């Protein structure tokens, strides 16, 4: 699982049928509590994460399971929004 910050939306009007209705987010990865120069595009199927929020991202075959279609061409999906108050 990865940690990242939503930095943008990705708009794609032409895509595989299996991806229709999915929201795509540009996620800047966080490592050791610092933003990196690395980015990943992740599907947000039902979490409704917004720009500026920190999120958890599932990758690999688990991402396809998370979107509910093991044949979907997805390799990253937002699994949750990280709460700011973690005290």
N, C-alpha and C. Protein backbone atom coordinates (compact mmCIF):
# COMPACT_ATOMS: atom_id res chain seq x y z
N UNK A 1 0.85 -1.17 0.00
CA UNK A 1 0.00 0.00 0.00
C UNK A 1 0.90 1.23 0.00
N UNK A 2 0.44 2.26 -0.68
CA UNK A 2 1.19 3.50 -0.80
C UNK A 2 0.43 4.65 -0.14
N UNK A 3 1.18 5.69 0.22
CA UNK A 3 0.59 6.90 0.78
C UNK A 3 0.89 8.03 -0.19
N UNK A 4 -0.11 8.89 -0.42
CA UNK A 4 0.12 9.99 -1.34
C UNK A 4 -0.84 11.14 -1.10
N UNK A 5 -0.62 12.20 -1.88
CA UNK A 5 -1.46 13.40 -1.80
C UNK A 5 -2.09 13.63 -3.17
N UNK A 6 -3.39 13.86 -3.20
CA UNK A 6 -4.08 14.12 -4.46
C UNK A 6 -3.69 15.52 -4.93
N UNK A 7 -3.11 15.58 -6.13
CA UNK A 7 -2.66 16.88 -6.66
C UNK A 7 -3.42 17.28 -7.93
N UNK A 8 -4.27 16.40 -8.43
CA UNK A 8 -5.03 16.76 -9.62
C UNK A 8 -5.98 15.69 -10.08
N UNK A 9 -6.87 16.08 -10.96
CA UNK A 9 -7.79 15.15 -11.61
C UNK A 9 -7.29 14.87 -13.01
N UNK A 10 -7.52 13.67 -13.49
CA UNK A 10 -7.17 13.29 -14.85
C UNK A 10 -8.47 13.08 -15.61
N UNK A 11 -8.64 13.80 -16.70
CA UNK A 11 -9.84 13.68 -17.51
C UNK A 11 -9.52 12.85 -18.75
N UNK A 12 -10.34 11.82 -18.97
CA UNK A 12 -10.16 10.95 -20.13
C UNK A 12 -11.52 10.63 -20.71
N UNK A 13 -11.84 11.25 -21.84
CA UNK A 13 -13.15 11.00 -22.44
C UNK A 13 -13.18 9.70 -23.24
N UNK A 14 -12.05 9.29 -23.78
CA UNK A 14 -11.94 8.02 -24.50
C UNK A 14 -11.16 7.04 -23.64
N UNK A 15 -11.79 5.91 -23.30
CA UNK A 15 -11.13 4.90 -22.48
C UNK A 15 -11.81 3.55 -22.67
N UNK A 16 -11.16 2.50 -22.16
CA UNK A 16 -11.75 1.16 -22.21
C UNK A 16 -13.12 1.18 -21.55
N UNK A 17 -14.03 0.38 -22.06
CA UNK A 17 -15.37 0.30 -21.48
C UNK A 17 -15.32 -0.04 -20.00
N UNK A 18 -14.38 -0.89 -19.60
CA UNK A 18 -14.27 -1.31 -18.19
C UNK A 18 -13.90 -0.15 -17.27
N UNK A 19 -13.45 0.97 -17.83
CA UNK A 19 -13.04 2.12 -17.03
C UNK A 19 -14.07 3.25 -17.03
N UNK A 20 -15.14 3.10 -17.78
CA UNK A 20 -16.16 4.15 -17.85
C UNK A 20 -16.80 4.33 -16.48
N UNK A 21 -16.95 5.58 -16.09
CA UNK A 21 -17.55 5.92 -14.81
C UNK A 21 -16.55 6.05 -13.68
N UNK A 22 -15.30 5.71 -13.93
CA UNK A 22 -14.27 5.83 -12.90
C UNK A 22 -13.68 7.23 -12.91
N UNK A 23 -13.34 7.73 -11.73
CA UNK A 23 -12.65 9.01 -11.57
C UNK A 23 -11.16 8.70 -11.46
N UNK A 24 -10.33 9.45 -12.18
CA UNK A 24 -8.89 9.25 -12.16
C UNK A 24 -8.22 10.42 -11.44
N UNK A 25 -7.28 10.11 -10.55
CA UNK A 25 -6.59 11.12 -9.77
C UNK A 25 -5.09 11.05 -9.97
N UNK A 26 -4.45 12.21 -10.00
CA UNK A 26 -2.99 12.30 -10.00
C UNK A 26 -2.56 12.34 -8.54
N UNK A 27 -1.82 11.32 -8.13
CA UNK A 27 -1.39 11.20 -6.74
C UNK A 27 0.12 11.40 -6.66
N UNK A 28 0.56 12.37 -5.86
CA UNK A 28 1.98 12.56 -5.60
C UNK A 28 2.33 11.72 -4.38
N UNK A 29 3.28 10.80 -4.55
CA UNK A 29 3.59 9.85 -3.49
C UNK A 29 4.33 10.50 -2.33
N UNK A 30 4.07 9.96 -1.14
CA UNK A 30 4.71 10.39 0.10
C UNK A 30 5.55 9.23 0.62
N UNK A 31 6.81 9.51 0.92
CA UNK A 31 7.70 8.53 1.53
C UNK A 31 8.39 9.17 2.72
N UNK A 32 8.41 8.48 3.84
CA UNK A 32 9.04 9.00 5.06
C UNK A 32 8.45 10.37 5.43
N UNK A 33 7.13 10.48 5.27
CA UNK A 33 6.38 11.70 5.59
C UNK A 33 6.79 12.93 4.79
N UNK A 34 7.38 12.70 3.60
CA UNK A 34 7.74 13.82 2.71
C UNK A 34 7.25 13.53 1.30
N UNK A 35 6.74 14.58 0.64
CA UNK A 35 6.34 14.44 -0.75
C UNK A 35 7.56 14.12 -1.60
N UNK A 36 7.39 13.24 -2.56
CA UNK A 36 8.46 12.88 -3.47
C UNK A 36 8.17 13.49 -4.84
N UNK A 37 9.05 13.24 -5.79
CA UNK A 37 8.81 13.66 -7.18
C UNK A 37 8.04 12.59 -7.95
N UNK A 38 7.67 11.50 -7.28
CA UNK A 38 6.97 10.39 -7.93
C UNK A 38 5.47 10.62 -7.93
N UNK A 39 4.84 10.28 -9.05
CA UNK A 39 3.39 10.39 -9.18
C UNK A 39 2.83 9.05 -9.66
N UNK A 40 1.57 8.82 -9.34
CA UNK A 40 0.87 7.64 -9.82
C UNK A 40 -0.55 8.08 -10.16
N UNK A 41 -1.12 7.47 -11.18
CA UNK A 41 -2.52 7.71 -11.52
C UNK A 41 -3.33 6.59 -10.88
N UNK A 42 -4.33 6.97 -10.10
CA UNK A 42 -5.14 5.98 -9.39
C UNK A 42 -6.61 6.21 -9.66
N UNK A 43 -7.37 5.12 -9.70
CA UNK A 43 -8.82 5.16 -9.84
C UNK A 43 -9.42 5.45 -8.47
N UNK A 44 -10.41 6.32 -8.44
CA UNK A 44 -11.19 6.58 -7.22
C UNK A 44 -12.61 6.17 -7.54
N UNK A 45 -12.97 4.98 -7.16
CA UNK A 45 -14.28 4.45 -7.52
C UNK A 45 -15.39 4.94 -6.59
N UNK A 46 -15.10 5.01 -5.29
CA UNK A 46 -16.19 5.37 -4.37
C UNK A 46 -15.74 6.19 -3.16
N UNK A 47 -14.47 6.53 -3.08
CA UNK A 47 -13.95 7.25 -1.91
C UNK A 47 -14.21 8.75 -2.01
N UNK A 48 -14.24 9.29 -3.21
CA UNK A 48 -14.46 10.72 -3.46
C UNK A 48 -13.39 11.60 -2.82
N UNK A 49 -12.13 11.20 -2.99
CA UNK A 49 -11.01 12.01 -2.49
C UNK A 49 -10.90 13.28 -3.32
N UNK A 50 -10.47 14.35 -2.67
CA UNK A 50 -10.34 15.62 -3.35
C UNK A 50 -8.90 16.11 -3.37
N UNK A 51 -8.66 17.12 -4.18
CA UNK A 51 -7.32 17.70 -4.29
C UNK A 51 -6.89 18.22 -2.91
N UNK A 52 -5.65 17.89 -2.55
CA UNK A 52 -5.08 18.30 -1.27
C UNK A 52 -5.20 17.25 -0.18
N UNK A 53 -6.02 16.24 -0.38
CA UNK A 53 -6.18 15.21 0.65
C UNK A 53 -5.10 14.14 0.52
N UNK A 54 -4.69 13.61 1.67
CA UNK A 54 -3.77 12.49 1.69
C UNK A 54 -4.58 11.20 1.65
N UNK A 55 -4.09 10.25 0.84
CA UNK A 55 -4.85 9.03 0.60
C UNK A 55 -3.97 7.79 0.70
N UNK A 56 -4.63 6.65 0.88
CA UNK A 56 -3.99 5.35 0.81
C UNK A 56 -4.30 4.76 -0.56
N UNK A 57 -3.30 4.19 -1.22
CA UNK A 57 -3.46 3.66 -2.56
C UNK A 57 -3.07 2.18 -2.58
N UNK A 58 -3.95 1.35 -3.11
CA UNK A 58 -3.68 -0.07 -3.30
C UNK A 58 -3.20 -0.25 -4.73
N UNK A 59 -2.16 -1.07 -4.92
CA UNK A 59 -1.62 -1.30 -6.26
C UNK A 59 -1.63 -2.79 -6.59
N UNK A 60 -1.37 -3.07 -7.86
CA UNK A 60 -1.26 -4.45 -8.33
C UNK A 60 -2.60 -5.14 -8.48
N UNK A 61 -2.59 -6.46 -8.40
CA UNK A 61 -3.81 -7.23 -8.62
C UNK A 61 -4.87 -6.91 -7.57
N UNK A 62 -4.47 -6.49 -6.40
CA UNK A 62 -5.44 -6.11 -5.36
C UNK A 62 -6.27 -4.91 -5.80
N UNK A 63 -5.72 -4.05 -6.65
CA UNK A 63 -6.46 -2.89 -7.15
C UNK A 63 -7.62 -3.34 -8.02
N UNK A 64 -7.40 -4.33 -8.85
CA UNK A 64 -8.48 -4.83 -9.71
C UNK A 64 -9.60 -5.44 -8.87
N UNK A 65 -9.23 -6.14 -7.82
CA UNK A 65 -10.23 -6.71 -6.92
C UNK A 65 -11.00 -5.59 -6.23
N UNK A 66 -10.30 -4.54 -5.82
CA UNK A 66 -10.93 -3.42 -5.12
C UNK A 66 -11.95 -2.69 -5.97
N UNK A 67 -11.74 -2.62 -7.29
CA UNK A 67 -12.72 -1.95 -8.15
C UNK A 67 -13.87 -2.88 -8.53
N UNK A 68 -13.76 -4.15 -8.17
CA UNK A 68 -14.85 -5.08 -8.41
C UNK A 68 -14.83 -5.77 -9.76
N UNK A 69 -13.72 -5.66 -10.48
CA UNK A 69 -13.62 -6.30 -11.80
C UNK A 69 -12.17 -6.75 -12.00
N UNK A 70 -11.92 -8.04 -11.83
CA UNK A 70 -10.54 -8.52 -11.92
C UNK A 70 -9.97 -8.44 -13.33
N UNK A 71 -10.82 -8.14 -14.31
CA UNK A 71 -10.35 -7.98 -15.68
C UNK A 71 -10.16 -6.52 -16.07
N UNK A 72 -10.48 -5.60 -15.18
CA UNK A 72 -10.32 -4.17 -15.48
C UNK A 72 -8.84 -3.82 -15.56
N UNK A 73 -8.45 -3.00 -16.53
CA UNK A 73 -7.04 -2.61 -16.66
C UNK A 73 -6.67 -1.52 -15.65
N UNK A 74 -6.67 -1.89 -14.38
CA UNK A 74 -6.40 -0.95 -13.28
C UNK A 74 -5.25 -1.51 -12.46
N UNK A 75 -4.26 -0.65 -12.15
CA UNK A 75 -3.17 -1.11 -11.29
C UNK A 75 -2.98 -0.25 -10.05
N UNK A 76 -3.87 0.74 -9.83
CA UNK A 76 -3.83 1.54 -8.62
C UNK A 76 -5.23 2.08 -8.33
N UNK A 77 -5.64 2.00 -7.07
CA UNK A 77 -6.96 2.47 -6.68
C UNK A 77 -6.87 3.13 -5.30
N UNK A 78 -7.60 4.22 -5.12
CA UNK A 78 -7.65 4.90 -3.82
C UNK A 78 -8.50 4.04 -2.88
N UNK A 79 -7.90 3.70 -1.73
CA UNK A 79 -8.58 2.84 -0.76
C UNK A 79 -9.16 3.62 0.40
N UNK A 80 -8.66 4.83 0.65
CA UNK A 80 -9.16 5.62 1.74
C UNK A 80 -8.50 6.97 1.85
N UNK A 81 -9.16 7.88 2.54
CA UNK A 81 -8.62 9.20 2.84
C UNK A 81 -8.03 9.15 4.24
N UNK A 82 -6.83 9.67 4.41
CA UNK A 82 -6.16 9.64 5.71
C UNK A 82 -6.68 10.79 6.57
N UNK A 83 -7.14 10.47 7.78
CA UNK A 83 -7.61 11.49 8.72
C UNK A 83 -6.45 12.33 9.19
N UNK A 84 -6.66 13.63 9.28
CA UNK A 84 -5.60 14.55 9.72
C UNK A 84 -5.33 14.43 11.22
N UNK A 85 -6.36 14.19 12.02
CA UNK A 85 -6.21 14.11 13.48
C UNK A 85 -5.88 12.67 13.86
N UNK A 86 -4.58 12.36 13.91
CA UNK A 86 -4.14 11.01 14.24
C UNK A 86 -3.55 10.92 15.63
N UNK A 87 -3.80 11.88 16.49
CA UNK A 87 -3.20 11.90 17.83
C UNK A 87 -3.74 10.77 18.60
